[in-house]
Amino acid sequence: MTSTPGSKPRIGPYAGGTIVTPDIDKASAPYLQYLKYSERAAGAVSRAMAQSWGAPAMEGRRFRVLGSASGSSQFIRFVEGKALPGYRPMSTYGWNALEITVQDVDALPAHIVGSPFETLGEPRNLSSTDNIRAMQVRGLADEVLYLTQIKEAADTERLPRAHAFVDHIFIVILGSSDFDASRAFYDSHFTVGLGNPFPARVRPLNKAFGLDIETKHQICTIALHGKNLIELDDFPKGAVPRTRPDGELPYSLGLVSMEVDSLDAVKLKPFTAPAALAEAPYNGRRAATFVGTSGELLELIETR
């Protein structure tokens, strides 16, 4: 079902996340070897893609699209771009981490021994439930991954299950410069389920800011279509905007893509008008990119 005239568009599920790195082959290799992903497409960024992102300098840069063994259409895309000197994961506003469903989180630490992934947090139950268990790692492009096992239980019915050893994105962590403004942005422009704020332990955030590992931060979930969520984190003092090189995407997790039922119903101004993009993963679908209140780049890809 698509949005009716005058209604807010429906966003979700995630189409994928884009990781910007100077060396896409090196950064993507651990996903292929250790997370059992496979390559789905590769090529060079077209002028239309770069302009759609508001990043004209990305034209001609190499990209590589990976996906999980489950066959999910969601992707992790690596694109060539400049590194950000001194960048610390989970210290800047905007998109900060991808949360991915896995089948057995307790098997992962041994599986990634010897890999380039740096473990930020060993498997542990969430502070709010024993039915969700997660660990966190850091990749070679300074991207943070939450690898999360979701157990069958009444309180997890609205979350997806993994159908591969490491499956697909279902949450993206958004570090907010203005918690209330970020909540209002998604609630006012899109059909979402706005959760109530609550305190939660965020281990990678505590490590980034040198806080006690048990420190809790105000967070909330924003429910998207397709059992996907945004986790909105109220970042502590000391967080800063992520520097974006002229004409480029931001380093590390630079762009997040979601499906939308109607781009014509979106009442925000994109970098360029929605356009059909021939390359994978668009395959002829229309897309446009918007900027959120914390500087996050949100690419919306129209469903068919």
C-alpha atoms as a PDB file:
ATOM      1  CA  MET A   1       0.000   0.000   0.000  1.00  0.00           C
ATOM      2  CA  THR A   2       1.323   3.456  -0.893  1.00  0.00           C
ATOM      3  CA  SER A   3       0.754   6.765   0.839  1.00  0.00           C
ATOM      4  CA  THR A   4      -2.522   8.500   0.110  1.00  0.00           C
ATOM      5  CA  PRO A   5      -2.473  12.167  -0.991  1.00  0.00           C
ATOM      6  CA  GLY A   6      -1.694  14.396   1.979  1.00  0.00           C
ATOM      7  CA  SER A   7      -0.509  11.539   4.210  1.00  0.00           C
ATOM      8  CA  LYS A   8       2.991  11.016   5.532  1.00  0.00           C
ATOM      9  CA  PRO A   9       5.102   8.524   3.584  1.00  0.00           C
ATOM     10  CA  ARG A  10       5.948   5.173   5.111  1.00  0.00           C
ATOM     11  CA  ILE A  11       9.653   4.417   5.482  1.00  0.00           C
ATOM     12  CA  GLY A  12      11.335   1.077   6.058  1.00  0.00           C
ATOM     13  CA  PRO A  13      12.676  -1.461   6.029  1.00  0.00           C
ATOM     14  CA  TYR A  14      16.321  -0.567   5.570  1.00  0.00           C
ATOM     15  CA  ALA A  15      17.677  -1.013   2.079  1.00  0.00           C
ATOM     16  CA  GLY A  16      21.242  -0.852   3.368  1.00  0.00           C
ATOM     17  CA  GLY A  17      24.130   1.112   4.797  1.00  0.00           C
ATOM     18  CA  THR A  18      27.040   2.749   2.982  1.00  0.00           C
ATOM     19  CA  ILE A  19      30.538   2.697   4.473  1.00  0.00           C
ATOM     20  CA  VAL A  20      33.055   5.199   3.114  1.00  0.00           C
ATOM     21  CA  THR A  21      36.711   4.149   3.162  1.00  0.00           C
ATOM     22  CA  PRO A  22      39.926   4.810   1.217  1.00  0.00           C
ATOM     23  CA  ASP A  23      40.315   1.067   0.484  1.00  0.00           C
ATOM     24  CA  ILE A  24      37.066  -0.742  -0.246  1.00  0.00           C
ATOM     25  CA  ASP A  25      38.725  -4.092  -0.921  1.00  0.00           C
ATOM     26  CA  LYS A  26      40.574  -4.145   2.399  1.00  0.00           C
ATOM     27  CA  ALA A  27      37.578  -2.883   4.399  1.00  0.00           C
ATOM     28  CA  SER A  28      35.080  -5.291   2.832  1.00  0.00           C
ATOM     29  CA  ALA A  29      37.264  -8.419   2.904  1.00  0.00           C
ATOM     30  CA  PRO A  30      36.483  -9.321   6.569  1.00  0.00           C
ATOM     31  CA  TYR A  31      32.756  -9.332   5.767  1.00  0.00           C
ATOM     32  CA  LEU A  32      33.364 -11.911   3.060  1.00  0.00           C
ATOM     33  CA  GLN A  33      35.747 -14.078   5.068  1.00  0.00           C
ATOM     34  CA  TYR A  34      34.358 -13.879   8.594  1.00  0.00           C
ATOM     35  CA  LEU A  35      30.714 -12.783   8.335  1.00  0.00           C
ATOM     36  CA  LYS A  36      29.995 -15.025   5.311  1.00  0.00           C
ATOM     37  CA  TYR A  37      28.743 -12.196   3.130  1.00  0.00           C
ATOM     38  CA  SER A  38      29.109 -12.299  -0.668  1.00  0.00           C
ATOM     39  CA  GLU A  39      29.568  -9.671  -3.348  1.00  0.00           C
ATOM     40  CA  ARG A  40      26.415  -8.733  -5.217  1.00  0.00           C
ATOM     41  CA  ALA A  41      27.593  -5.859  -7.382  1.00  0.00           C
ATOM     42  CA  ALA A  42      30.596  -3.649  -8.024  1.00  0.00           C
ATOM     43  CA  GLY A  43      31.337  -0.670 -10.227  1.00  0.00           C
ATOM     44  CA  ALA A  44      31.956   3.054 -10.284  1.00  0.00           C
ATOM     45  CA  VAL A  45      29.668   5.734  -8.869  1.00  0.00           C
ATOM     46  CA  SER A  46      27.776   7.401 -11.697  1.00  0.00           C
ATOM     47  CA  ARG A  47      27.189  11.128 -11.964  1.00  0.00           C
ATOM     48  CA  ALA A  48      23.494  10.585 -11.214  1.00  0.00           C
ATOM     49  CA  MET A  49      24.292   8.619  -8.024  1.00  0.00           C
ATOM     50  CA  ALA A  50      26.814  11.192  -6.805  1.00  0.00           C
ATOM     51  CA  GLN A  51      24.461  14.084  -7.447  1.00  0.00           C
ATOM     52  CA  SER A  52      21.598  12.258  -5.740  1.00  0.00           C
ATOM     53  CA  TRP A  53      23.782  11.931  -2.625  1.00  0.00           C
ATOM     54  CA  GLY A  54      24.727  15.606  -2.711  1.00  0.00           C
ATOM     55  CA  ALA A  55      28.298  14.395  -3.154  1.00  0.00           C
ATOM     56  CA  PRO A  56      29.476  15.274  -6.684  1.00  0.00           C
ATOM     57  CA  ALA A  57      33.119  14.463  -5.867  1.00  0.00           C
ATOM     58  CA  MET A  58      32.126  10.794  -5.456  1.00  0.00           C
ATOM     59  CA  GLU A  59      31.564  10.423  -9.197  1.00  0.00           C
ATOM     60  CA  GLY A  60      33.851   7.735 -10.589  1.00  0.00           C
ATOM     61  CA  ARG A  61      34.733   6.283  -7.180  1.00  0.00           C
ATOM     62  CA  ARG A  62      34.648   2.513  -6.871  1.00  0.00           C
ATOM     63  CA  PHE A  63      31.865   0.827  -4.935  1.00  0.00           C
ATOM     64  CA  ARG A  64      31.204  -2.707  -3.813  1.00  0.00           C
ATOM     65  CA  VAL A  65      27.824  -4.058  -2.672  1.00  0.00           C
ATOM     66  CA  LEU A  66      27.710  -7.026  -0.281  1.00  0.00           C
ATOM     67  CA  GLY A  67      24.827  -9.060   1.091  1.00  0.00           C
ATOM     68  CA  SER A  68      24.213 -11.878   3.558  1.00  0.00           C
ATOM     69  CA  ALA A  69      23.928 -15.577   2.770  1.00  0.00           C
ATOM     70  CA  SER A  70      20.214 -15.458   3.634  1.00  0.00           C
ATOM     71  CA  GLY A  71      19.431 -13.801   0.319  1.00  0.00           C
ATOM     72  CA  SER A  72      18.005 -10.721   2.004  1.00  0.00           C
ATOM     73  CA  SER A  73      17.827  -7.737  -0.353  1.00  0.00           C
ATOM     74  CA  GLN A  74      19.480  -5.512   2.262  1.00  0.00           C
ATOM     75  CA  PHE A  75      23.061  -4.538   1.521  1.00  0.00           C
ATOM     76  CA  ILE A  76      26.239  -3.147   2.983  1.00  0.00           C
ATOM     77  CA  ARG A  77      27.928  -0.964   0.370  1.00  0.00           C
ATOM     78  CA  PHE A  78      31.549   0.173   0.482  1.00  0.00           C
ATOM     79  CA  VAL A  79      32.438   3.326  -1.459  1.00  0.00           C
ATOM     80  CA  GLU A  80      35.852   4.898  -1.956  1.00  0.00           C
ATOM     81  CA  GLY A  81      36.274   8.168  -0.087  1.00  0.00           C
ATOM     82  CA  LYS A  82      38.577  10.098   2.178  1.00  0.00           C
ATOM     83  CA  ALA A  83      39.339   9.043   5.732  1.00  0.00           C
ATOM     84  CA  LEU A  84      38.748  11.519   8.548  1.00  0.00           C
ATOM     85  CA  PRO A  85      41.971  12.043  10.539  1.00  0.00           C
ATOM     86  CA  GLY A  86      41.443  11.574  14.265  1.00  0.00           C
ATOM     87  CA  TYR A  87      37.963  10.090  13.804  1.00  0.00           C
ATOM     88  CA  ARG A  88      36.705   8.135  16.809  1.00  0.00           C
ATOM     89  CA  PRO A  89      33.694   5.844  16.337  1.00  0.00           C
ATOM     90  CA  MET A  90      30.603   6.805  18.351  1.00  0.00           C
ATOM     91  CA  SER A  91      31.890  10.328  18.987  1.00  0.00           C
ATOM     92  CA  THR A  92      30.176  12.343  16.233  1.00  0.00           C
ATOM     93  CA  TYR A  93      26.545  13.133  15.499  1.00  0.00           C
ATOM     94  CA  GLY A  94      24.701  11.275  12.767  1.00  0.00           C
ATOM     95  CA  TRP A  95      24.680   7.614  11.778  1.00  0.00           C
ATOM     96  CA  ASN A  96      27.073   5.712  14.051  1.00  0.00           C
ATOM     97  CA  ALA A  97      26.466   1.966  13.956  1.00  0.00           C
ATOM     98  CA  LEU A  98      24.666  -0.810  12.103  1.00  0.00           C
ATOM     99  CA  GLU A  99      22.837  -3.428  14.140  1.00  0.00           C
ATOM    100  CA  ILE A 100      22.659  -6.765  12.354  1.00  0.00           C
ATOM    101  CA  THR A 101      20.763  -9.943  13.228  1.00  0.00           C
ATOM    102  CA  VAL A 102      22.860 -13.060  13.919  1.00  0.00           C
ATOM    103  CA  GLN A 103      21.955 -16.641  14.739  1.00  0.00           C
ATOM    104  CA  ASP A 104      24.393 -17.354  17.580  1.00  0.00           C
ATOM    105  CA  VAL A 105      26.166 -14.347  19.066  1.00  0.00           C
ATOM    106  CA  ASP A 106      28.108 -16.465  21.546  1.00  0.00           C
ATOM    107  CA  ALA A 107      29.782 -18.309  18.662  1.00  0.00           C
ATOM    108  CA  LEU A 108      31.012 -15.092  17.070  1.00  0.00           C
ATOM    109  CA  PRO A 109      33.978 -14.151  19.329  1.00  0.00           C
ATOM    110  CA  ALA A 110      35.802 -17.394  18.542  1.00  0.00           C
ATOM    111  CA  HIS A 111      34.837 -17.151  14.877  1.00  0.00           C
ATOM    112  CA  ILE A 112      36.414 -13.704  14.398  1.00  0.00           C
ATOM    113  CA  VAL A 113      39.646 -14.453  16.280  1.00  0.00           C
ATOM    114  CA  GLY A 114      42.467 -13.380  13.984  1.00  0.00           C
ATOM    115  CA  SER A 115      40.200 -11.122  11.959  1.00  0.00           C
ATOM    116  CA  PRO A 116      40.622  -7.354  11.605  1.00  0.00           C
ATOM    117  CA  PHE A 117      37.433  -6.817  13.601  1.00  0.00           C
ATOM    118  CA  GLU A 118      38.138  -5.241  16.979  1.00  0.00           C
ATOM    119  CA  THR A 119      35.808  -6.423  19.715  1.00  0.00           C
ATOM    120  CA  LEU A 120      34.285  -3.472  21.564  1.00  0.00           C
ATOM    121  CA  GLY A 121      31.946  -5.517  23.717  1.00  0.00           C
ATOM    122  CA  GLU A 122      31.654  -9.249  24.394  1.00  0.00           C
ATOM    123  CA  PRO A 123      28.223 -10.941  24.098  1.00  0.00           C
ATOM    124  CA  ARG A 124      25.900  -9.678  26.791  1.00  0.00           C
ATOM    125  CA  ASN A 125      22.158  -9.461  27.394  1.00  0.00           C
ATOM    126  CA  LEU A 126      20.531  -6.080  26.938  1.00  0.00           C
ATOM    127  CA  SER A 127      19.912  -4.209  30.162  1.00  0.00           C
ATOM    128  CA  SER A 128      16.182  -4.203  29.386  1.00  0.00           C
ATOM    129  CA  THR A 129      15.672  -7.886  28.475  1.00  0.00           C
ATOM    130  CA  ASP A 130      17.343 -11.312  28.588  1.00  0.00           C
ATOM    131  CA  ASN A 131      15.883 -12.213  25.177  1.00  0.00           C
ATOM    132  CA  ILE A 132      18.190  -9.971  23.148  1.00  0.00           C
ATOM    133  CA  ARG A 133      21.907 -10.622  23.359  1.00  0.00           C
ATOM    134  CA  ALA A 134      24.517  -8.588  21.511  1.00  0.00           C
ATOM    135  CA  MET A 135      28.192  -7.908  21.012  1.00  0.00           C
ATOM    136  CA  GLN A 136      29.875  -4.970  19.277  1.00  0.00           C
ATOM    137  CA  VAL A 137      32.836  -4.809  16.906  1.00  0.00           C
ATOM    138  CA  ARG A 138      34.745  -2.168  14.995  1.00  0.00           C
ATOM    139  CA  GLY A 139      35.682  -2.649  11.340  1.00  0.00           C
ATOM    140  CA  LEU A 140      38.595  -1.348   9.285  1.00  0.00           C
ATOM    141  CA  ALA A 141      36.679   1.754   8.179  1.00  0.00           C
ATOM    142  CA  ASP A 142      35.986   2.580  11.834  1.00  0.00           C
ATOM    143  CA  GLU A 143      32.426   1.383  11.376  1.00  0.00           C
ATOM    144  CA  VAL A 144      30.692  -0.071  14.435  1.00  0.00           C
ATOM    145  CA  LEU A 145      28.562  -3.190  14.142  1.00  0.00           C
ATOM    146  CA  TYR A 146      26.156  -4.420  16.790  1.00  0.00           C
ATOM    147  CA  LEU A 147      25.775  -8.166  16.201  1.00  0.00           C
ATOM    148  CA  THR A 148      22.535  -9.196  17.842  1.00  0.00           C
ATOM    149  CA  GLN A 149      20.798 -12.468  18.533  1.00  0.00           C
ATOM    150  CA  ILE A 150      17.050 -12.220  19.053  1.00  0.00           C
ATOM    151  CA  LYS A 151      15.478 -15.079  20.972  1.00  0.00           C
ATOM    152  CA  GLU A 152      11.931 -16.302  20.533  1.00  0.00           C
ATOM    153  CA  ALA A 153       9.860 -14.560  23.194  1.00  0.00           C
ATOM    154  CA  ALA A 154       6.772 -12.417  23.610  1.00  0.00           C
ATOM    155  CA  ASP A 155       8.817  -9.235  23.957  1.00  0.00           C
ATOM    156  CA  THR A 156      10.690  -9.836  20.679  1.00  0.00           C
ATOM    157  CA  GLU A 157       7.746 -10.598  18.383  1.00  0.00           C
ATOM    158  CA  ARG A 158       8.161  -7.275  16.550  1.00  0.00           C
ATOM    159  CA  LEU A 159      11.817  -7.891  15.702  1.00  0.00           C
ATOM    160  CA  PRO A 160      13.192  -9.922  12.780  1.00  0.00           C
ATOM    161  CA  ARG A 161      15.056 -13.217  13.100  1.00  0.00           C
ATOM    162  CA  ALA A 162      18.350 -14.137  11.477  1.00  0.00           C
ATOM    163  CA  HIS A 163      18.220 -16.637   8.623  1.00  0.00           C
ATOM    164  CA  ALA A 164      21.989 -16.782   8.170  1.00  0.00           C
ATOM    165  CA  PHE A 165      25.014 -16.874  10.469  1.00  0.00           C
ATOM    166  CA  VAL A 166      25.201 -13.077  10.125  1.00  0.00           C
ATOM    167  CA  ASP A 167      22.148 -11.698   8.373  1.00  0.00           C
ATOM    168  CA  HIS A 168      20.841  -8.187   7.717  1.00  0.00           C
ATOM    169  CA  ILE A 169      20.542  -4.714   9.224  1.00  0.00           C
ATOM    170  CA  PHE A 170      17.471  -4.125  11.365  1.00  0.00           C
ATOM    171  CA  ILE A 171      18.520  -1.120  13.469  1.00  0.00           C
ATOM    172  CA  VAL A 172      20.797   1.853  12.804  1.00  0.00           C
ATOM    173  CA  ILE A 173      22.088   3.912  15.724  1.00  0.00           C
ATOM    174  CA  LEU A 174      21.638   7.647  15.239  1.00  0.00           C
ATOM    175  CA  GLY A 175      23.659   9.924  17.504  1.00  0.00           C
ATOM    176  CA  SER A 176      21.574  13.013  18.156  1.00  0.00           C
ATOM    177  CA  SER A 177      22.728  16.586  18.616  1.00  0.00           C
ATOM    178  CA  ASP A 178      19.186  17.519  19.727  1.00  0.00           C
ATOM    179  CA  PHE A 179      17.208  14.549  21.001  1.00  0.00           C
ATOM    180  CA  ASP A 180      13.768  16.183  20.885  1.00  0.00           C
ATOM    181  CA  ALA A 181      14.369  17.710  17.447  1.00  0.00           C
ATOM    182  CA  SER A 182      15.427  14.343  16.028  1.00  0.00           C
ATOM    183  CA  ARG A 183      12.323  12.665  17.420  1.00  0.00           C
ATOM    184  CA  ALA A 184      10.138  15.386  15.969  1.00  0.00           C
ATOM    185  CA  PHE A 185      11.860  15.223  12.568  1.00  0.00           C
ATOM    186  CA  TYR A 186      11.003  11.571  11.945  1.00  0.00           C
ATOM    187  CA  ASP A 187       7.590  11.750  13.573  1.00  0.00           C
ATOM    188  CA  SER A 188       6.476  14.830  11.650  1.00  0.00           C
ATOM    189  CA  HIS A 189       7.720  13.812   8.199  1.00  0.00           C
ATOM    190  CA  PHE A 190       7.130  10.060   8.120  1.00  0.00           C
ATOM    191  CA  THR A 191       4.692   7.390   9.272  1.00  0.00           C
ATOM    192  CA  VAL A 192       6.663   5.831  12.123  1.00  0.00           C
ATOM    193  CA  GLY A 193       6.083   4.494  15.612  1.00  0.00           C
ATOM    194  CA  LEU A 194       7.682   6.899  18.050  1.00  0.00           C
ATOM    195  CA  GLY A 195       8.823   5.160  21.225  1.00  0.00           C
ATOM    196  CA  ASN A 196       9.096   6.754  24.636  1.00  0.00           C
ATOM    197  CA  PRO A 197      12.577   7.761  25.835  1.00  0.00           C
ATOM    198  CA  PHE A 198      14.216   5.495  28.399  1.00  0.00           C
ATOM    199  CA  PRO A 199      17.684   5.091  29.962  1.00  0.00           C
ATOM    200  CA  ALA A 200      19.893   2.340  28.565  1.00  0.00           C
ATOM    201  CA  ARG A 201      23.494   1.198  28.788  1.00  0.00           C
ATOM    202  CA  VAL A 202      25.352   1.886  25.514  1.00  0.00           C
ATOM    203  CA  ARG A 203      28.777   0.277  25.844  1.00  0.00           C
ATOM    204  CA  PRO A 204      30.436   1.614  22.651  1.00  0.00           C
ATOM    205  CA  LEU A 205      29.292   5.124  23.546  1.00  0.00           C
ATOM    206  CA  ASN A 206      30.688   4.813  27.054  1.00  0.00           C
ATOM    207  CA  LYS A 207      34.011   3.569  25.690  1.00  0.00           C
ATOM    208  CA  ALA A 208      34.205   6.411  23.178  1.00  0.00           C
ATOM    209  CA  PHE A 209      33.789   9.023  25.903  1.00  0.00           C
ATOM    210  CA  GLY A 210      35.732   7.270  28.656  1.00  0.00           C
ATOM    211  CA  LEU A 211      32.639   6.809  30.815  1.00  0.00           C
ATOM    212  CA  ASP A 212      31.893   4.017  33.253  1.00  0.00           C
ATOM    213  CA  ILE A 213      30.809   1.037  31.163  1.00  0.00           C
ATOM    214  CA  GLU A 214      27.469   0.862  33.013  1.00  0.00           C
ATOM    215  CA  THR A 215      26.569   4.512  32.355  1.00  0.00           C
ATOM    216  CA  LYS A 216      23.092   4.864  30.896  1.00  0.00           C
ATOM    217  CA  HIS A 217      21.991   7.337  28.239  1.00  0.00           C
ATOM    218  CA  GLN A 218      18.589   8.519  27.116  1.00  0.00           C
ATOM    219  CA  ILE A 219      17.546   6.632  24.013  1.00  0.00           C
ATOM    220  CA  CYS A 220      14.351   5.885  22.137  1.00  0.00           C
ATOM    221  CA  THR A 221      13.330   3.674  19.266  1.00  0.00           C
ATOM    222  CA  ILE A 222      11.596   4.852  16.128  1.00  0.00           C
ATOM    223  CA  ALA A 223       9.706   1.973  14.520  1.00  0.00           C
ATOM    224  CA  LEU A 224       9.891   1.709  10.747  1.00  0.00           C
ATOM    225  CA  HIS A 225       7.937  -0.503   8.390  1.00  0.00           C
ATOM    226  CA  GLY A 226       9.183  -4.071   8.092  1.00  0.00           C
ATOM    227  CA  LYS A 227      10.224  -4.758  11.706  1.00  0.00           C
ATOM    228  CA  ASN A 228      13.094  -2.267  11.501  1.00  0.00           C
ATOM    229  CA  LEU A 229      13.991   0.546  13.908  1.00  0.00           C
ATOM    230  CA  ILE A 230      16.088   3.639  14.355  1.00  0.00           C
ATOM    231  CA  GLU A 231      17.763   3.736  17.753  1.00  0.00           C
ATOM    232  CA  LEU A 232      18.083   7.386  18.677  1.00  0.00           C
ATOM    233  CA  ASP A 233      20.837   7.999  21.235  1.00  0.00           C
ATOM    234  CA  ASP A 234      21.171  11.276  23.116  1.00  0.00           C
ATOM    235  CA  PHE A 235      24.920  11.756  22.756  1.00  0.00           C
ATOM    236  CA  PRO A 236      26.858  13.142  25.731  1.00  0.00           C
ATOM    237  CA  LYS A 237      28.650  16.461  25.895  1.00  0.00           C
ATOM    238  CA  GLY A 238      31.839  16.336  23.886  1.00  0.00           C
ATOM    239  CA  ALA A 239      30.237  14.863  20.782  1.00  0.00           C
ATOM    240  CA  VAL A 240      30.788  16.931  17.630  1.00  0.00           C
ATOM    241  CA  PRO A 241      29.431  17.107  14.074  1.00  0.00           C
ATOM    242  CA  ARG A 242      31.226  14.793  11.656  1.00  0.00           C
ATOM    243  CA  THR A 243      33.408  16.725   9.251  1.00  0.00           C
ATOM    244  CA  ARG A 244      32.404  16.093   5.652  1.00  0.00           C
ATOM    245  CA  PRO A 245      34.998  16.704   2.913  1.00  0.00           C
ATOM    246  CA  ASP A 246      33.784  19.052   0.186  1.00  0.00           C
ATOM    247  CA  GLY A 247      31.639  17.153  -2.277  1.00  0.00           C
ATOM    248  CA  GLU A 248      32.088  13.783  -0.562  1.00  0.00           C
ATOM    249  CA  LEU A 249      30.114  11.487   1.676  1.00  0.00           C
ATOM    250  CA  PRO A 250      31.146  11.459   5.351  1.00  0.00           C
ATOM    251  CA  TYR A 251      33.770   8.914   6.352  1.00  0.00           C
ATOM    252  CA  SER A 252      32.815   5.542   7.846  1.00  0.00           C
ATOM    253  CA  LEU A 253      29.033   5.013   8.061  1.00  0.00           C
ATOM    254  CA  GLY A 254      28.255   7.918   5.775  1.00  0.00           C
ATOM    255  CA  LEU A 255      24.824   7.134   4.341  1.00  0.00           C
ATOM    256  CA  VAL A 256      21.846   5.019   5.353  1.00  0.00           C
ATOM    257  CA  SER A 257      19.256   3.868   2.822  1.00  0.00           C
ATOM    258  CA  MET A 258      15.620   3.046   3.538  1.00  0.00           C
ATOM    259  CA  GLU A 259      12.730   2.062   1.352  1.00  0.00           C
ATOM    260  CA  VAL A 260       9.862   4.526   1.012  1.00  0.00           C
ATOM    261  CA  ASP A 261       6.429   3.908  -0.445  1.00  0.00           C
ATOM    262  CA  SER A 262       6.245   7.309  -2.188  1.00  0.00           C
ATOM    263  CA  LEU A 263       8.990   9.864  -2.779  1.00  0.00           C
ATOM    264  CA  ASP A 264       6.368  12.283  -4.048  1.00  0.00           C
ATOM    265  CA  ALA A 265       4.809  12.294  -0.570  1.00  0.00           C
ATOM    266  CA  VAL A 266       8.063  13.349   1.143  1.00  0.00           C
ATOM    267  CA  LYS A 267       7.781  17.027   2.158  1.00  0.00           C
ATOM    268  CA  LEU A 268      11.514  17.552   2.577  1.00  0.00           C
ATOM    269  CA  LYS A 269      13.944  19.032   0.090  1.00  0.00           C
ATOM    270  CA  PRO A 270      16.435  16.511  -1.334  1.00  0.00           C
ATOM    271  CA  PHE A 271      19.827  17.362  -2.795  1.00  0.00           C
ATOM    272  CA  THR A 272      18.407  16.700  -6.252  1.00  0.00           C
ATOM    273  CA  ALA A 273      14.960  15.710  -7.487  1.00  0.00           C
ATOM    274  CA  PRO A 274      14.145  11.994  -7.192  1.00  0.00           C
ATOM    275  CA  ALA A 275      15.687  10.123 -10.111  1.00  0.00           C
ATOM    276  CA  ALA A 276      15.685   6.551 -11.395  1.00  0.00           C
ATOM    277  CA  LEU A 277      19.155   5.044 -10.958  1.00  0.00           C
ATOM    278  CA  ALA A 278      20.178   2.180 -13.195  1.00  0.00           C
ATOM    279  CA  GLU A 279      22.943   0.693 -11.049  1.00  0.00           C
ATOM    280  CA  ALA A 280      22.586  -1.958  -8.367  1.00  0.00           C
ATOM    281  CA  PRO A 281      21.172  -1.852  -5.773  1.00  0.00           C
ATOM    282  CA  TYR A 282      18.617   0.570  -7.275  1.00  0.00           C
ATOM    283  CA  ASN A 283      18.005  -1.361 -10.503  1.00  0.00           C
ATOM    284  CA  GLY A 284      15.916   1.402 -12.014  1.00  0.00           C
ATOM    285  CA  ARG A 285      14.125   2.533  -8.846  1.00  0.00           C
ATOM    286  CA  ARG A 286      13.891   6.199  -7.943  1.00  0.00           C
ATOM    287  CA  ALA A 287      16.003   7.527  -5.086  1.00  0.00           C
ATOM    288  CA  ALA A 288      16.698  10.811  -3.326  1.00  0.00           C
ATOM    289  CA  THR A 289      18.831  11.859  -0.345  1.00  0.00           C
ATOM    290  CA  PHE A 290      17.815  14.115   2.535  1.00  0.00           C
ATOM    291  CA  VAL A 291      19.573  15.590   5.580  1.00  0.00           C
ATOM    292  CA  GLY A 292      18.284  15.016   9.122  1.00  0.00           C
ATOM    293  CA  THR A 293      18.573  17.298  12.129  1.00  0.00           C
ATOM    294  CA  SER A 294      21.873  15.749  13.285  1.00  0.00           C
ATOM    295  CA  GLY A 295      23.466  15.963   9.853  1.00  0.00           C
ATOM    296  CA  GLU A 296      22.639  12.357   8.956  1.00  0.00           C
ATOM    297  CA  LEU A 297      22.269  11.564   5.254  1.00  0.00           C
ATOM    298  CA  LEU A 298      19.091   9.585   4.628  1.00  0.00           C
ATOM    299  CA  GLU A 299      18.696   8.013   1.214  1.00  0.00           C
ATOM    300  CA  LEU A 300      15.137   6.955   0.363  1.00  0.00           C
ATOM    301  CA  ILE A 301      14.644   4.380  -2.364  1.00  0.00           C
ATOM    302  CA  GLU A 302      11.134   4.026  -3.732  1.00  0.00           C
ATOM    303  CA  THR A 303       9.458   0.630  -3.619  1.00  0.00           C
ATOM    304  CA  ARG A 304       7.793  -0.702  -6.729  1.00  0.00           C
END
